[in-house]
């Protein structure tokens, strides 16, 4: 367990690289599998339905 130096809350550093309480990042990209190329790609969230 580790205490965050900014918000003083305790979190498990083996599960999180940063404090989950004060580093609320908004994710704009998702990882999808392109069946045509046979590779995984990072694409904008709104384009994810193109790879279903």
PDB file of N, CA and C in Angstrom:
ATOM      1  N   UNK A   1       0.842  -1.171   0.000  1.00  0.00           N
ATOM      2  CA  UNK A   1       0.000   0.000   0.000  1.00  0.00           C
ATOM      3  C   UNK A   1       0.890   1.238   0.000  1.00  0.00           C
ATOM      4  N   UNK A   2       0.370   2.280  -0.614  1.00  0.00           N
ATOM      5  CA  UNK A   2       1.119   3.523  -0.701  1.00  0.00           C
ATOM      6  C   UNK A   2       0.175   4.699  -0.517  1.00  0.00           C
ATOM      7  N   UNK A   3       0.669   5.736   0.137  1.00  0.00           N
ATOM      8  CA  UNK A   3      -0.139   6.942   0.326  1.00  0.00           C
ATOM      9  C   UNK A   3       0.239   7.962  -0.739  1.00  0.00           C
ATOM     10  N   UNK A   4      -0.751   8.544  -1.367  1.00  0.00           N
ATOM     11  CA  UNK A   4      -0.535   9.570  -2.383  1.00  0.00           C
ATOM     12  C   UNK A   4      -0.049  10.850  -1.713  1.00  0.00           C
ATOM     13  N   UNK A   5       0.952  11.473  -2.291  1.00  0.00           N
ATOM     14  CA  UNK A   5       1.487  12.708  -1.745  1.00  0.00           C
ATOM     15  C   UNK A   5       0.597  13.922  -1.987  1.00  0.00           C
ATOM     16  N   UNK A   6      -0.343  13.817  -2.935  1.00  0.00           N
ATOM     17  CA  UNK A   6      -1.208  14.951  -3.242  1.00  0.00           C
ATOM     18  C   UNK A   6      -2.521  14.912  -2.470  1.00  0.00           C
ATOM     19  N   UNK A   7      -3.202  13.748  -2.493  1.00  0.00           N
ATOM     20  CA  UNK A   7      -4.527  13.691  -1.858  1.00  0.00           C
ATOM     21  C   UNK A   7      -4.515  12.932  -0.530  1.00  0.00           C
ATOM     22  N   UNK A   8      -3.380  12.331  -0.162  1.00  0.00           N
ATOM     23  CA  UNK A   8      -3.192  11.595   1.091  1.00  0.00           C
ATOM     24  C   UNK A   8      -4.088  10.375   1.234  1.00  0.00           C
ATOM     25  N   UNK A   9      -4.599   9.847   0.116  1.00  0.00           N
ATOM     26  CA  UNK A   9      -5.384   8.612   0.167  1.00  0.00           C
ATOM     27  C   UNK A   9      -4.456   7.435  -0.091  1.00  0.00           C
ATOM     28  N   UNK A  10      -4.819   6.290   0.453  1.00  0.00           N
ATOM     29  CA  UNK A  10      -3.996   5.088   0.332  1.00  0.00           C
ATOM     30  C   UNK A  10      -4.510   4.234  -0.817  1.00  0.00           C
ATOM     31  N   UNK A  11      -3.581   3.736  -1.660  1.00  0.00           N
ATOM     32  CA  UNK A  11      -3.930   2.866  -2.782  1.00  0.00           C
ATOM     33  C   UNK A  11      -2.878   1.777  -2.932  1.00  0.00           C
ATOM     34  N   UNK A  12      -3.202   0.745  -3.682  1.00  0.00           N
ATOM     35  CA  UNK A  12      -2.301  -0.384  -3.888  1.00  0.00           C
ATOM     36  C   UNK A  12      -1.429  -0.101  -5.107  1.00  0.00           C
ATOM     37  N   UNK A  13      -0.144   0.136  -4.885  1.00  0.00           N
ATOM     38  CA  UNK A  13       0.756   0.486  -5.981  1.00  0.00           C
ATOM     39  C   UNK A  13       1.029  -0.673  -6.922  1.00  0.00           C
ATOM     40  N   UNK A  14       0.691  -1.901  -6.529  1.00  0.00           N
ATOM     41  CA  UNK A  14       0.870  -3.030  -7.444  1.00  0.00           C
ATOM     42  C   UNK A  14      -0.250  -3.087  -8.484  1.00  0.00           C
ATOM     43  N   UNK A  15      -1.358  -2.378  -8.248  1.00  0.00           N
ATOM     44  CA  UNK A  15      -2.467  -2.355  -9.195  1.00  0.00           C
ATOM     45  C   UNK A  15      -2.505  -1.076 -10.017  1.00  0.00           C
ATOM     46  N   UNK A  16      -1.942  -0.002  -9.514  1.00  0.00           N
ATOM     47  CA  UNK A  16      -2.022   1.301 -10.182  1.00  0.00           C
ATOM     48  C   UNK A  16      -0.638   1.914 -10.304  1.00  0.00           C
ATOM     49  N   UNK A  17      -0.338   2.492 -11.465  1.00  0.00           N
ATOM     50  CA  UNK A  17       0.928   3.205 -11.653  1.00  0.00           C
ATOM     51  C   UNK A  17       0.859   4.588 -11.030  1.00  0.00           C
ATOM     52  N   UNK A  18      -0.355   5.186 -11.024  1.00  0.00           N
ATOM     53  CA  UNK A  18      -0.583   6.502 -10.417  1.00  0.00           C
ATOM     54  C   UNK A  18      -1.735   6.375  -9.439  1.00  0.00           C
ATOM     55  N   UNK A  19      -1.887   7.366  -8.603  1.00  0.00           N
ATOM     56  CA  UNK A  19      -3.000   7.379  -7.661  1.00  0.00           C
ATOM     57  C   UNK A  19      -4.322   7.393  -8.437  1.00  0.00           C
ATOM     58  N   UNK A  20      -5.208   6.426  -8.214  1.00  0.00           N
ATOM     59  CA  UNK A  20      -6.473   6.378  -8.955  1.00  0.00           C
ATOM     60  C   UNK A  20      -7.477   7.434  -8.491  1.00  0.00           C
ATOM     61  N   UNK A  21      -7.223   8.054  -7.358  1.00  0.00           N
ATOM     62  CA  UNK A  21      -8.164   9.038  -6.818  1.00  0.00           C
ATOM     63  C   UNK A  21      -7.935  10.438  -7.402  1.00  0.00           C
ATOM     64  N   UNK A  22      -6.688  10.817  -7.605  1.00  0.00           N
ATOM     65  CA  UNK A  22      -6.443  12.177  -8.093  1.00  0.00           C
ATOM     66  C   UNK A  22      -5.943  12.212  -9.533  1.00  0.00           C
ATOM     67  N   UNK A  23      -5.720  11.080 -10.162  1.00  0.00           N
ATOM     68  CA  UNK A  23      -5.321  11.076 -11.574  1.00  0.00           C
ATOM     69  C   UNK A  23      -6.431  10.449 -12.409  1.00  0.00           C
ATOM     70  N   UNK A  24      -7.519  11.166 -12.551  1.00  0.00           N
ATOM     71  CA  UNK A  24      -8.668  10.704 -13.329  1.00  0.00           C
ATOM     72  C   UNK A  24      -8.447  11.060 -14.788  1.00  0.00           C
ATOM     73  N   UNK A  25      -7.824  10.151 -15.524  1.00  0.00           N
ATOM     74  CA  UNK A  25      -7.573  10.389 -16.936  1.00  0.00           C
ATOM     75  C   UNK A  25      -8.765   9.930 -17.751  1.00  0.00           C
ATOM     76  N   UNK A  26      -9.085  10.685 -18.752  1.00  0.00           N
ATOM     77  CA  UNK A  26     -10.165  10.312 -19.655  1.00  0.00           C
ATOM     78  C   UNK A  26      -9.543   9.623 -20.858  1.00  0.00           C
ATOM     79  N   UNK A  27     -10.003   8.427 -21.141  1.00  0.00           N
ATOM     80  CA  UNK A  27      -9.454   7.673 -22.249  1.00  0.00           C
ATOM     81  C   UNK A  27     -10.221   7.990 -23.523  1.00  0.00           C
ATOM     82  N   UNK A  28      -9.473   8.352 -24.570  1.00  0.00           N
ATOM     83  CA  UNK A  28     -10.096   8.701 -25.847  1.00  0.00           C
ATOM     84  C   UNK A  28      -9.890   7.625 -26.895  1.00  0.00           C
ATOM     85  N   UNK A  29      -8.964   6.689 -26.651  1.00  0.00           N
ATOM     86  CA  UNK A  29      -8.668   5.620 -27.598  1.00  0.00           C
ATOM     87  C   UNK A  29      -8.910   4.261 -26.953  1.00  0.00           C
ATOM     88  N   UNK A  30      -9.219   3.280 -27.781  1.00  0.00           N
ATOM     89  CA  UNK A  30      -9.395   1.907 -27.320  1.00  0.00           C
ATOM     90  C   UNK A  30      -8.553   0.996 -28.204  1.00  0.00           C
ATOM     91  N   UNK A  31      -8.262  -0.183 -27.708  1.00  0.00           N
ATOM     92  CA  UNK A  31      -7.493  -1.163 -28.480  1.00  0.00           C
ATOM     93  C   UNK A  31      -8.471  -2.135 -29.117  1.00  0.00           C
ATOM     94  N   UNK A  32      -8.334  -2.323 -30.431  1.00  0.00           N
ATOM     95  CA  UNK A  32      -9.212  -3.215 -31.186  1.00  0.00           C
ATOM     96  C   UNK A  32      -8.349  -4.178 -31.985  1.00  0.00           C
ATOM     97  N   UNK A  33      -8.954  -5.274 -32.437  1.00  0.00           N
ATOM     98  CA  UNK A  33      -8.257  -6.235 -33.285  1.00  0.00           C
ATOM     99  C   UNK A  33      -8.778  -6.084 -34.704  1.00  0.00           C
ATOM    100  N   UNK A  34      -7.888  -5.776 -35.630  1.00  0.00           N
ATOM    101  CA  UNK A  34      -8.234  -5.630 -37.041  1.00  0.00           C
ATOM    102  C   UNK A  34      -8.122  -7.011 -37.690  1.00  0.00           C
ATOM    103  N   UNK A  35      -9.251  -7.605 -38.016  1.00  0.00           N
ATOM    104  CA  UNK A  35      -9.262  -8.957 -38.592  1.00  0.00           C
ATOM    105  C   UNK A  35      -8.613  -8.991 -39.974  1.00  0.00           C
ATOM    106  N   UNK A  36      -8.721  -7.910 -40.728  1.00  0.00           N
ATOM    107  CA  UNK A  36      -8.131  -7.867 -42.070  1.00  0.00           C
ATOM    108  C   UNK A  36      -6.606  -7.872 -42.024  1.00  0.00           C
ATOM    109  N   UNK A  37      -6.028  -7.100 -41.117  1.00  0.00           N
ATOM    110  CA  UNK A  37      -4.571  -7.026 -40.980  1.00  0.00           C
ATOM    111  C   UNK A  37      -4.023  -8.084 -40.031  1.00  0.00           C
ATOM    112  N   UNK A  38      -4.879  -8.591 -39.128  1.00  0.00           N
ATOM    113  CA  UNK A  38      -4.424  -9.546 -38.123  1.00  0.00           C
ATOM    114  C   UNK A  38      -3.595  -8.899 -37.031  1.00  0.00           C
ATOM    115  N   UNK A  39      -3.852  -7.605 -36.780  1.00  0.00           N
ATOM    116  CA  UNK A  39      -3.074  -6.885 -35.775  1.00  0.00           C
ATOM    117  C   UNK A  39      -3.998  -6.140 -34.812  1.00  0.00           C
ATOM    118  N   UNK A  40      -3.443  -5.790 -33.679  1.00  0.00           N
ATOM    119  CA  UNK A  40      -4.165  -4.956 -32.714  1.00  0.00           C
ATOM    120  C   UNK A  40      -3.800  -3.507 -32.980  1.00  0.00           C
ATOM    121  N   UNK A  41      -4.794  -2.618 -32.833  1.00  0.00           N
ATOM    122  CA  UNK A  41      -4.582  -1.199 -33.099  1.00  0.00           C
ATOM    123  C   UNK A  41      -5.214  -0.361 -32.004  1.00  0.00           C
ATOM    124  N   UNK A  42      -4.692   0.832 -31.823  1.00  0.00           N
ATOM    125  CA  UNK A  42      -5.294   1.816 -30.938  1.00  0.00           C
ATOM    126  C   UNK A  42      -6.039   2.802 -31.826  1.00  0.00           C
ATOM    127  N   UNK A  43      -7.355   2.903 -31.639  1.00  0.00           N
ATOM    128  CA  UNK A  43      -8.180   3.778 -32.474  1.00  0.00           C
ATOM    129  C   UNK A  43      -9.032   4.670 -31.581  1.00  0.00           C
ATOM    130  N   UNK A  44      -9.496   5.811 -32.101  1.00  0.00           N
ATOM    131  CA  UNK A  44     -10.409   6.650 -31.326  1.00  0.00           C
ATOM    132  C   UNK A  44     -11.659   5.874 -30.943  1.00  0.00           C
ATOM    133  N   UNK A  45     -12.186   6.154 -29.776  1.00  0.00           N
ATOM    134  CA  UNK A  45     -13.324   5.410 -29.242  1.00  0.00           C
ATOM    135  C   UNK A  45     -14.511   5.408 -30.197  1.00  0.00           C
ATOM    136  N   UNK A  46     -14.741   6.516 -30.906  1.00  0.00           N
ATOM    137  CA  UNK A  46     -15.902   6.586 -31.791  1.00  0.00           C
ATOM    138  C   UNK A  46     -15.732   5.725 -33.047  1.00  0.00           C
ATOM    139  N   UNK A  47     -14.499   5.270 -33.362  1.00  0.00           N
ATOM    140  CA  UNK A  47     -14.272   4.413 -34.524  1.00  0.00           C
ATOM    141  C   UNK A  47     -14.233   2.932 -34.174  1.00  0.00           C
ATOM    142  N   UNK A  48     -14.392   2.587 -32.915  1.00  0.00           N
ATOM    143  CA  UNK A  48     -14.257   1.196 -32.473  1.00  0.00           C
ATOM    144  C   UNK A  48     -15.289   0.281 -33.115  1.00  0.00           C
ATOM    145  N   UNK A  49     -16.496   0.795 -33.384  1.00  0.00           N
ATOM    146  CA  UNK A  49     -17.550  -0.045 -33.959  1.00  0.00           C
ATOM    147  C   UNK A  49     -17.194  -0.506 -35.369  1.00  0.00           C
ATOM    148  N   UNK A  50     -16.249   0.133 -36.028  1.00  0.00           N
ATOM    149  CA  UNK A  50     -15.831  -0.271 -37.375  1.00  0.00           C
ATOM    150  C   UNK A  50     -15.074  -1.590 -37.369  1.00  0.00           C
ATOM    151  N   UNK A  51     -14.601  -2.026 -36.203  1.00  0.00           N
ATOM    152  CA  UNK A  51     -13.774  -3.227 -36.103  1.00  0.00           C
ATOM    153  C   UNK A  51     -14.508  -4.393 -35.454  1.00  0.00           C
ATOM    154  N   UNK A  52     -15.818  -4.300 -35.261  1.00  0.00           N
ATOM    155  CA  UNK A  52     -16.579  -5.381 -34.619  1.00  0.00           C
ATOM    156  C   UNK A  52     -16.834  -6.507 -35.567  1.00  0.00           C
TER     157      UNK A  52
END
